[in-house]
Amino acid sequence: MKGFNKKILLVLVVILVSGCRVETKNDDFILQIYFTPSHHENWSWAASTEMLFDYHGLYYSQADLVDFSDYYFSYSSPSIHDISWLFWDLGGIDSYVTGTLSFGEIKAQLKQGNPILLQYGSYYNGQYIVIHGYDYSGHVYIHEPGYGTRLVHYDDLFFHHFSGRGRYWESSLILVH
């Protein structure tokens, strides 16, 4: 019985360790956007925005972005439209807000070098993730500031759990490269 417990423990360790990284295949399409974790629970918008500014060769820390939002909007949880304005005002980066996207639309935007910021939940109190890649079997690569980088099926984007709460995909912000 003792040997059996060791084998189960070894299998569990292998499963946990292998789940800590996302492996890519040769035919996957991935934009080189570096992951940044959220520094505070309600700063997924700031972490996602920081990642996307970095992709465009600009650096603004999450604290800078929150301070900027507080100063210009008088609140630290901006809407997705406010975030679009931040990209333009701070970096001259054009973007537009739309609703949910089909898998084909995601692939087309990424192929053009346009990363996508997804907003979940309410207008001013949502959660944000960055889509930065896809594979040909219907999966997308996401950077989730409170969790990490992972590969999820496109169908699983519509409803997502954040901190134990389920939220629906409400809107998308596409950065135009």
Protein backbone atom coordinates (compact mmCIF):
# COMPACT_ATOMS: atom_id res chain seq x y z
CA MET A 1 0.00 0.00 0.00
CA LYS A 2 2.89 2.36 0.78
CA GLY A 3 4.27 2.04 -2.78
CA PHE A 4 0.82 2.72 -4.21
CA ASN A 5 0.55 6.01 -2.24
CA LYS A 6 3.97 7.10 -3.52
CA LYS A 7 2.89 6.43 -7.12
CA ILE A 8 -0.31 8.45 -6.65
CA LEU A 9 1.66 11.30 -5.10
CA LEU A 10 4.15 11.23 -7.98
CA VAL A 11 1.34 11.29 -10.55
CA LEU A 12 -0.30 14.24 -8.76
CA VAL A 13 2.98 16.16 -8.66
CA VAL A 14 3.53 15.54 -12.39
CA ILE A 15 -0.01 16.76 -13.15
CA LEU A 16 0.42 19.91 -11.05
CA VAL A 17 3.83 20.76 -12.50
CA SER A 18 2.73 20.16 -16.09
CA GLY A 19 -0.27 22.46 -15.55
CA CYS A 20 1.99 25.41 -14.72
CA ARG A 21 2.98 26.15 -18.29
CA VAL A 22 1.23 26.40 -21.62
CA GLU A 23 2.81 24.40 -24.38
CA THR A 24 2.51 25.64 -27.94
CA LYS A 25 2.45 23.66 -31.14
CA ASN A 26 4.12 24.66 -34.39
CA ASP A 27 0.85 25.58 -36.10
CA ASP A 28 -0.40 27.85 -33.26
CA PHE A 29 -0.50 31.60 -33.90
CA ILE A 30 0.67 33.65 -30.93
CA LEU A 31 1.44 37.36 -30.56
CA GLN A 32 4.44 37.98 -28.31
CA ILE A 33 2.70 39.69 -25.41
CA TYR A 34 4.41 39.19 -22.08
CA PHE A 35 2.26 38.30 -19.08
CA THR A 36 1.98 40.70 -16.16
CA PRO A 37 0.09 39.69 -13.01
CA SER A 38 -2.37 42.06 -11.41
CA HIS A 39 -0.88 43.90 -8.42
CA HIS A 40 -4.27 44.28 -6.74
CA GLU A 41 -7.51 42.32 -6.89
CA ASN A 42 -9.44 44.99 -8.83
CA TRP A 43 -6.65 45.95 -11.21
CA SER A 44 -7.16 43.35 -13.96
CA TRP A 45 -7.89 46.27 -16.30
CA ALA A 46 -4.60 47.95 -15.36
CA ALA A 47 -2.56 44.73 -15.70
CA SER A 48 -4.13 43.93 -19.08
CA THR A 49 -3.61 47.51 -20.25
CA GLU A 50 0.03 47.40 -19.09
CA MET A 51 0.57 44.19 -21.10
CA LEU A 52 -0.88 45.78 -24.23
CA PHE A 53 1.11 49.00 -23.87
CA ASP A 54 4.24 46.86 -23.50
CA TYR A 55 3.32 45.01 -26.72
CA HIS A 56 3.36 48.42 -28.44
CA GLY A 57 6.74 49.31 -26.93
CA LEU A 58 5.39 51.71 -24.28
CA TYR A 59 5.67 51.36 -20.53
CA TYR A 60 3.09 52.47 -18.01
CA SER A 61 2.94 50.68 -14.67
CA GLN A 62 -0.39 49.58 -13.23
CA ALA A 63 -0.06 52.29 -10.57
CA ASP A 64 0.53 54.90 -13.31
CA LEU A 65 -2.59 53.77 -15.13
CA VAL A 66 -4.74 53.79 -11.98
CA ASP A 67 -3.44 57.26 -11.06
CA PHE A 68 -4.13 58.50 -14.58
CA SER A 69 -7.66 57.08 -14.41
CA ASP A 70 -8.26 58.68 -11.00
CA TYR A 71 -7.07 62.05 -12.25
CA TYR A 72 -8.89 62.17 -15.59
CA PHE A 73 -12.02 60.15 -14.84
CA SER A 74 -12.22 60.64 -11.04
CA TYR A 75 -12.45 56.88 -10.50
CA SER A 76 -9.99 53.98 -10.54
CA SER A 77 -12.20 51.42 -12.33
CA PRO A 78 -12.62 52.76 -15.85
CA SER A 79 -15.04 51.40 -18.42
CA ILE A 80 -13.77 49.65 -21.53
CA HIS A 81 -14.45 52.88 -23.46
CA ASP A 82 -12.28 54.79 -20.98
CA ILE A 83 -9.51 52.22 -21.48
CA SER A 84 -9.77 52.73 -25.24
CA TRP A 85 -9.33 56.46 -24.64
CA LEU A 86 -6.26 55.75 -22.45
CA PHE A 87 -4.60 53.86 -25.31
CA TRP A 88 -5.13 56.81 -27.62
CA ASP A 89 -4.25 59.55 -25.15
CA LEU A 90 -1.17 57.92 -23.61
CA GLY A 91 0.20 56.09 -26.63
CA GLY A 92 -1.54 57.21 -29.82
CA ILE A 93 -2.80 53.63 -30.19
CA ASP A 94 -6.04 53.33 -32.11
CA SER A 95 -8.64 50.88 -30.81
CA TYR A 96 -12.35 50.26 -30.94
CA VAL A 97 -14.93 48.63 -28.72
CA THR A 98 -17.27 45.96 -30.00
CA GLY A 99 -19.30 43.09 -28.59
CA THR A 100 -18.40 39.42 -28.51
CA LEU A 101 -16.40 38.06 -31.42
CA SER A 102 -16.59 34.87 -33.43
CA PHE A 103 -13.57 32.58 -33.50
CA GLY A 104 -12.98 33.65 -37.11
CA GLU A 105 -12.99 37.32 -36.09
CA ILE A 106 -10.48 36.62 -33.31
CA LYS A 107 -8.19 34.79 -35.74
CA ALA A 108 -8.41 37.60 -38.31
CA GLN A 109 -7.60 40.32 -35.76
CA LEU A 110 -4.66 38.42 -34.29
CA LYS A 111 -3.26 37.65 -37.76
CA GLN A 112 -3.23 41.43 -38.37
CA GLY A 113 -1.24 41.90 -35.14
CA ASN A 114 -4.24 43.25 -33.22
CA PRO A 115 -4.48 41.89 -29.66
CA ILE A 116 -7.90 41.78 -28.01
CA LEU A 117 -8.93 42.87 -24.52
CA LEU A 118 -12.07 41.09 -23.27
CA GLN A 119 -14.28 42.67 -20.62
CA TYR A 120 -16.41 40.52 -18.33
CA GLY A 121 -19.11 41.69 -15.94
CA SER A 122 -20.52 45.12 -15.29
CA TYR A 123 -19.50 48.25 -17.18
CA TYR A 124 -17.39 49.87 -14.43
CA ASN A 125 -16.61 46.84 -12.28
CA GLY A 126 -15.58 44.21 -14.78
CA GLN A 127 -12.71 41.79 -15.14
CA TYR A 128 -10.34 41.84 -18.11
CA ILE A 129 -8.25 39.30 -19.98
CA VAL A 130 -6.04 39.55 -23.07
CA ILE A 131 -6.38 37.22 -26.06
CA HIS A 132 -3.00 36.88 -27.74
CA GLY A 133 -3.14 33.68 -29.78
CA TYR A 134 -5.09 30.70 -31.08
CA ASP A 135 -4.68 27.17 -32.36
CA TYR A 136 -6.49 25.48 -35.21
CA SER A 137 -8.69 23.30 -33.00
CA GLY A 138 -10.75 26.19 -31.60
CA HIS A 139 -8.64 27.26 -28.59
CA VAL A 140 -7.38 30.72 -27.69
CA TYR A 141 -4.37 31.77 -25.63
CA ILE A 142 -5.28 34.17 -22.86
CA HIS A 143 -3.41 36.19 -20.27
CA GLU A 144 -5.62 36.44 -17.19
CA PRO A 145 -4.00 38.91 -14.74
CA GLY A 146 -5.26 37.16 -11.61
CA TYR A 147 -4.42 33.64 -12.81
CA GLY A 148 -1.76 33.42 -15.51
CA THR A 149 -1.47 32.33 -19.12
CA ARG A 150 -3.56 29.48 -20.41
CA LEU A 151 -5.20 27.89 -23.39
CA VAL A 152 -9.02 27.70 -23.32
CA HIS A 153 -11.59 26.64 -25.86
CA TYR A 154 -13.32 29.50 -27.67
CA ASP A 155 -16.72 28.35 -26.36
CA ASP A 156 -15.47 28.79 -22.78
CA LEU A 157 -14.87 32.52 -23.32
CA PHE A 158 -18.55 33.44 -23.01
CA PHE A 159 -18.79 32.60 -19.31
CA HIS A 160 -15.73 32.78 -17.09
CA HIS A 161 -15.05 32.48 -13.36
CA PHE A 162 -13.09 35.19 -11.55
CA SER A 163 -12.46 34.90 -7.81
CA GLY A 164 -15.23 32.32 -7.46
CA ARG A 165 -17.83 34.42 -9.35
CA GLY A 166 -19.10 33.68 -12.82
CA ARG A 167 -19.22 36.54 -15.30
CA TYR A 168 -20.29 36.90 -18.92
CA TRP A 169 -18.20 38.27 -21.78
CA GLU A 170 -19.72 41.72 -22.33
CA SER A 171 -17.44 43.53 -24.77
CA SER A 172 -14.14 43.47 -26.63
CA LEU A 173 -11.53 46.13 -27.23
CA ILE A 174 -9.46 45.59 -30.36
CA LEU A 175 -6.15 47.43 -30.60
CA VAL A 176 -5.35 48.33 -34.18
CA HIS A 177 -1.72 47.71 -35.10
